[in-house]
Amino acid sequence: MSKLHLSRLTLRRDAKAVAPLIAVLNPDQPGARTSIDHRLLWTVMPSAEADGIAADPDGAAPRFLWRRDGDLSRYFVLGPKPADGSPFFDIETRPFAPDLSAGDRLAFQLRVNATVNRKVGTGPDGRALRRRCDVTMDLIRSEEEAATAPRPRARLRDALADVAARDWLSRQGAANGFTLTAVQVDSYTVEDVPRPRERPARFGVLDVQGLLDVTDPAAFLTRLALGFGRARAFGCGLMLIRRA
């Protein structure tokens, strides 16, 4: 695995190249803002972006992971060292090489599109048809099908997002070298990200924080570099950690 850097990028709102574009760079619609953020962050990627990052068993390795820091014009990026001389960002960066041991307890923050692979039918050839389903909506549908009386979906969502996130992260931990100690869901939202010549990408986003214990440092660090869940091009999957 090549050397990774954890970088903090702050938008230079008063710079000549940025100030006239503030309204364009910060649209009201969250999905449109995510799309613009993604394209803007590509401007700091070096030409040999993420060369040597291990292949992701669930698909192609991401060139970099990123997340927006709340509603601030600040971003965290995990990937290659950003290129110098950005007209858009002030950049702070350092090598990402946590010295972890089994038993270490870490606080974490994670914005994630968590999914589960469900059978949705059978094809003409008799093979199972499968689809990636958002874990929160998957649990909501299960509860609705089992319920004897209808319940407002908004109330179900608030009650079940925490359960869905905890169960999904527990499975991730078992496969990737950590166990959960505490989990709190700060929010669950659905984003529609516009794409040229395609339908918008729609996905659920869980904002989660909590505590975890490292059981296998090598496996955990590998997953940190690859990211968690899906929609990693759109600001999901980067887990931020610190000593608890």
Protein backbone atom coordinates (compact mmCIF):
# COMPACT_ATOMS: atom_id res chain seq x y z
CA MET A 1 0.00 0.00 0.00
CA SER A 2 1.37 3.40 -0.93
CA LYS A 3 1.78 6.18 1.58
CA LEU A 4 -1.45 7.88 2.48
CA HIS A 5 -1.94 11.42 3.69
CA LEU A 6 -4.75 12.81 5.80
CA SER A 7 -5.39 16.36 4.64
CA ARG A 8 -7.59 19.19 5.79
CA LEU A 9 -8.65 21.52 2.99
CA THR A 10 -10.24 24.89 3.71
CA LEU A 11 -11.93 26.74 0.88
CA ARG A 12 -10.29 30.13 0.26
CA ARG A 13 -13.58 32.01 0.20
CA ASP A 14 -11.94 35.44 -0.19
CA ALA A 15 -9.48 34.44 -2.91
CA LYS A 16 -9.94 36.01 -6.34
CA ALA A 17 -10.48 32.61 -7.93
CA VAL A 18 -13.12 31.62 -5.38
CA ALA A 19 -15.07 34.65 -4.16
CA PRO A 20 -17.11 35.15 -7.37
CA LEU A 21 -18.07 31.45 -7.31
CA ILE A 22 -19.27 31.09 -3.71
CA ALA A 23 -22.94 30.87 -4.64
CA VAL A 24 -22.17 28.28 -7.34
CA LEU A 25 -19.98 26.22 -5.00
CA ASN A 26 -22.60 26.17 -2.23
CA PRO A 27 -25.99 25.34 -3.77
CA ASP A 28 -28.94 24.86 -1.44
CA GLN A 29 -29.68 21.33 -2.59
CA PRO A 30 -27.43 18.89 -0.63
CA GLY A 31 -26.98 16.45 -3.52
CA ALA A 32 -25.91 19.22 -5.91
CA ARG A 33 -23.43 20.44 -3.31
CA THR A 34 -22.01 16.94 -2.94
CA SER A 35 -21.50 16.70 -6.70
CA ILE A 36 -19.68 20.05 -6.80
CA ASP A 37 -17.56 19.14 -3.76
CA HIS A 38 -16.44 15.94 -5.46
CA ARG A 39 -15.37 17.72 -8.64
CA LEU A 40 -13.70 20.51 -6.68
CA LEU A 41 -11.59 18.07 -4.64
CA TRP A 42 -10.31 16.42 -7.80
CA THR A 43 -8.49 19.68 -8.56
CA VAL A 44 -5.96 18.94 -5.78
CA MET A 45 -5.25 15.35 -6.80
CA PRO A 46 -1.76 14.65 -8.20
CA SER A 47 -1.48 13.06 -11.62
CA ALA A 48 -0.55 9.64 -10.17
CA GLU A 49 -3.50 9.70 -7.76
CA ALA A 50 -3.58 6.89 -5.21
CA ASP A 51 -1.07 4.77 -7.16
CA GLY A 52 -0.55 1.49 -5.34
CA ILE A 53 -3.57 1.56 -3.01
CA ALA A 54 -4.72 -2.00 -2.41
CA ALA A 55 -7.61 -3.22 -4.52
CA ASP A 56 -10.99 -3.23 -2.82
CA PRO A 57 -12.54 -6.72 -2.74
CA ASP A 58 -15.95 -5.09 -3.26
CA GLY A 59 -14.88 -3.14 -6.34
CA ALA A 60 -12.24 -0.75 -7.62
CA ALA A 61 -10.20 1.03 -4.96
CA PRO A 62 -11.22 4.67 -4.50
CA ARG A 63 -8.69 7.25 -5.62
CA PHE A 64 -9.34 9.12 -2.38
CA LEU A 65 -11.84 9.31 0.45
CA TRP A 66 -13.32 12.58 1.61
CA ARG A 67 -16.00 14.21 3.69
CA ARG A 68 -17.27 17.73 4.18
CA ASP A 69 -16.92 19.07 7.70
CA GLY A 70 -20.54 19.91 8.47
CA ASP A 71 -21.70 23.07 6.69
CA LEU A 72 -18.24 24.63 6.84
CA SER A 73 -16.14 25.15 3.74
CA ARG A 74 -13.68 22.57 5.04
CA TYR A 75 -12.96 19.03 3.93
CA PHE A 76 -11.02 16.01 5.16
CA VAL A 77 -9.33 13.91 2.49
CA LEU A 78 -7.54 10.57 2.86
CA GLY A 79 -5.43 9.61 -0.14
CA PRO A 80 -2.32 10.80 -1.95
CA LYS A 81 -0.59 13.98 -0.87
CA PRO A 82 -2.48 16.89 -2.50
CA ALA A 83 -0.79 18.85 -5.25
CA ASP A 84 0.74 22.19 -4.29
CA GLY A 85 -0.51 25.58 -5.40
CA SER A 86 -4.27 25.13 -5.27
CA PRO A 87 -6.12 28.36 -6.15
CA PHE A 88 -9.16 27.08 -4.22
CA PHE A 89 -7.87 25.63 -0.95
CA ASP A 90 -5.54 26.20 1.95
CA ILE A 91 -4.13 22.73 2.55
CA GLU A 92 -2.80 21.13 5.72
CA THR A 93 -1.53 17.58 5.27
CA ARG A 94 0.42 14.90 7.11
CA PRO A 95 1.24 11.24 6.50
CA PHE A 96 -1.46 8.89 7.69
CA ALA A 97 0.29 6.13 9.61
CA PRO A 98 -1.51 5.39 12.90
CA ASP A 99 0.50 3.21 15.30
CA LEU A 100 -2.21 0.86 16.49
CA SER A 101 -2.15 -2.24 18.65
CA ALA A 102 -4.79 -4.81 19.51
CA GLY A 103 -6.82 -3.51 22.42
CA ASP A 104 -6.54 0.17 21.52
CA ARG A 105 -9.77 2.10 22.03
CA LEU A 106 -10.61 4.76 19.47
CA ALA A 107 -13.32 7.35 19.09
CA PHE A 108 -14.62 7.52 15.53
CA GLN A 109 -16.82 9.56 13.23
CA LEU A 110 -18.20 8.07 10.04
CA ARG A 111 -20.47 9.25 7.26
CA VAL A 112 -21.51 6.13 5.42
CA ASN A 113 -23.83 4.72 2.79
CA ALA A 114 -24.41 1.33 4.43
CA THR A 115 -26.05 -1.33 2.27
CA VAL A 116 -27.01 -4.99 2.34
CA ASN A 117 -27.25 -7.37 -0.62
CA ARG A 118 -30.83 -8.70 -0.84
CA LYS A 119 -32.55 -11.20 -3.12
CA VAL A 120 -35.29 -9.37 -5.00
CA GLY A 121 -36.47 -12.10 -7.36
CA THR A 122 -35.47 -14.87 -9.73
CA GLY A 123 -34.22 -14.42 -13.29
CA PRO A 124 -35.34 -16.37 -16.39
CA ASP A 125 -32.34 -18.66 -15.92
CA GLY A 126 -33.39 -19.51 -12.38
CA ARG A 127 -30.63 -17.51 -10.76
CA ALA A 128 -31.38 -15.17 -7.89
CA LEU A 129 -31.68 -11.49 -8.73
CA ARG A 130 -29.97 -9.39 -6.08
CA ARG A 131 -29.86 -5.67 -5.29
CA ARG A 132 -27.97 -3.43 -2.92
CA CYS A 133 -30.41 -1.99 -0.39
CA ASP A 134 -29.89 0.81 2.10
CA VAL A 135 -29.78 -0.84 5.54
CA THR A 136 -32.12 1.65 7.20
CA MET A 137 -34.77 1.44 4.48
CA ASP A 138 -34.34 -2.34 4.37
CA LEU A 139 -35.12 -2.56 8.09
CA ILE A 140 -38.03 -0.14 7.75
CA ARG A 141 -39.60 -2.27 5.00
CA SER A 142 -39.18 -5.40 7.12
CA GLU A 143 -40.92 -3.73 10.05
CA GLU A 144 -43.72 -2.46 7.81
CA GLU A 145 -44.32 -5.92 6.38
CA ALA A 146 -44.44 -7.46 9.86
CA ALA A 147 -46.58 -4.75 11.47
CA THR A 148 -50.22 -5.41 12.26
CA ALA A 149 -51.04 -1.69 12.04
CA PRO A 150 -49.42 1.04 9.94
CA ARG A 151 -46.89 3.34 11.58
CA PRO A 152 -45.62 6.67 10.21
CA ARG A 153 -42.46 6.01 8.22
CA ALA A 154 -40.70 9.04 9.73
CA ARG A 155 -41.17 7.58 13.21
CA LEU A 156 -39.90 4.20 12.06
CA ARG A 157 -36.87 5.84 10.46
CA ASP A 158 -35.87 7.60 13.66
CA ALA A 159 -36.33 4.44 15.72
CA LEU A 160 -34.60 2.03 13.34
CA ALA A 161 -31.65 4.03 11.96
CA ASP A 162 -29.70 3.42 15.17
CA VAL A 163 -30.45 -0.32 15.08
CA ALA A 164 -29.52 -0.61 11.40
CA ALA A 165 -26.26 1.31 11.87
CA ARG A 166 -25.24 -0.71 14.92
CA ASP A 167 -25.92 -4.06 13.23
CA TRP A 168 -24.11 -3.07 10.03
CA LEU A 169 -21.06 -1.69 11.84
CA SER A 170 -20.87 -4.80 14.03
CA ARG A 171 -20.63 -6.93 10.89
CA GLN A 172 -18.01 -4.58 9.45
CA GLY A 173 -16.00 -4.88 12.63
CA ALA A 174 -16.06 -8.67 12.60
CA ALA A 175 -14.61 -8.63 9.07
CA ASN A 176 -12.22 -5.71 9.50
CA GLY A 177 -10.45 -5.96 12.82
CA PHE A 178 -12.52 -4.09 15.39
CA THR A 179 -15.39 -4.42 17.84
CA LEU A 180 -17.94 -1.75 18.70
CA THR A 181 -18.15 -0.30 22.19
CA ALA A 182 -20.65 2.52 21.63
CA VAL A 183 -22.60 3.85 18.64
CA GLN A 184 -24.69 6.98 18.19
CA VAL A 185 -26.51 7.94 14.99
CA ASP A 186 -26.49 11.72 14.59
CA SER A 187 -28.59 11.76 11.43
CA TYR A 188 -30.00 9.75 8.57
CA THR A 189 -30.70 11.50 5.28
CA VAL A 190 -31.29 10.59 1.65
CA GLU A 191 -29.33 12.42 -1.05
CA ASP A 192 -30.00 12.77 -4.77
CA VAL A 193 -26.73 13.61 -6.51
CA PRO A 194 -27.09 14.81 -10.12
CA ARG A 195 -25.00 13.03 -12.76
CA PRO A 196 -24.44 14.08 -16.38
CA ARG A 197 -26.55 12.06 -18.84
CA GLU A 198 -27.72 9.71 -16.06
CA ARG A 199 -30.41 9.59 -13.46
CA PRO A 200 -29.41 11.15 -10.12
CA ALA A 201 -27.61 8.83 -7.73
CA ARG A 202 -29.91 8.31 -4.73
CA PHE A 203 -28.51 6.86 -1.52
CA GLY A 204 -29.02 6.97 2.24
CA VAL A 205 -26.39 8.60 4.45
CA LEU A 206 -25.83 7.74 8.10
CA ASP A 207 -23.76 10.10 10.23
CA VAL A 208 -22.44 7.95 13.06
CA GLN A 209 -20.02 8.40 15.95
CA GLY A 210 -18.91 6.13 18.75
CA LEU A 211 -16.13 4.05 20.27
CA LEU A 212 -14.41 0.94 18.98
CA ASP A 213 -11.71 -1.46 20.14
CA VAL A 214 -9.06 -2.57 17.66
CA THR A 215 -8.66 -6.36 17.42
CA ASP A 216 -6.56 -6.69 14.25
CA PRO A 217 -4.59 -3.50 13.46
CA ALA A 218 -3.52 -4.57 9.96
CA ALA A 219 -7.06 -5.46 8.86
CA PHE A 220 -8.48 -2.29 10.39
CA LEU A 221 -5.93 0.00 8.72
CA THR A 222 -6.54 -1.68 5.37
CA ARG A 223 -10.27 -0.99 5.65
CA LEU A 224 -9.64 2.61 6.74
CA ALA A 225 -7.65 3.18 3.55
CA LEU A 226 -10.34 1.61 1.35
CA GLY A 227 -13.29 3.22 3.10
CA PHE A 228 -16.56 1.85 4.44
CA GLY A 229 -19.75 1.19 2.53
CA ARG A 230 -20.61 2.60 -0.86
CA ALA A 231 -21.03 6.07 -2.46
CA ARG A 232 -17.41 6.79 -1.54
CA ALA A 233 -17.06 9.13 -4.51
CA PHE A 234 -19.78 11.25 -2.93
CA GLY A 235 -18.28 11.98 0.48
CA CYS A 236 -19.09 8.72 2.28
CA GLY A 237 -16.82 6.05 3.74
CA LEU A 238 -14.06 8.04 5.44
CA MET A 239 -13.76 7.08 9.10
CA LEU A 240 -12.03 9.71 11.23
CA ILE A 241 -10.37 8.27 14.35
CA ARG A 242 -8.65 9.52 17.48
CA ARG A 243 -7.50 8.01 20.74
CA ALA A 244 -10.37 7.70 23.19
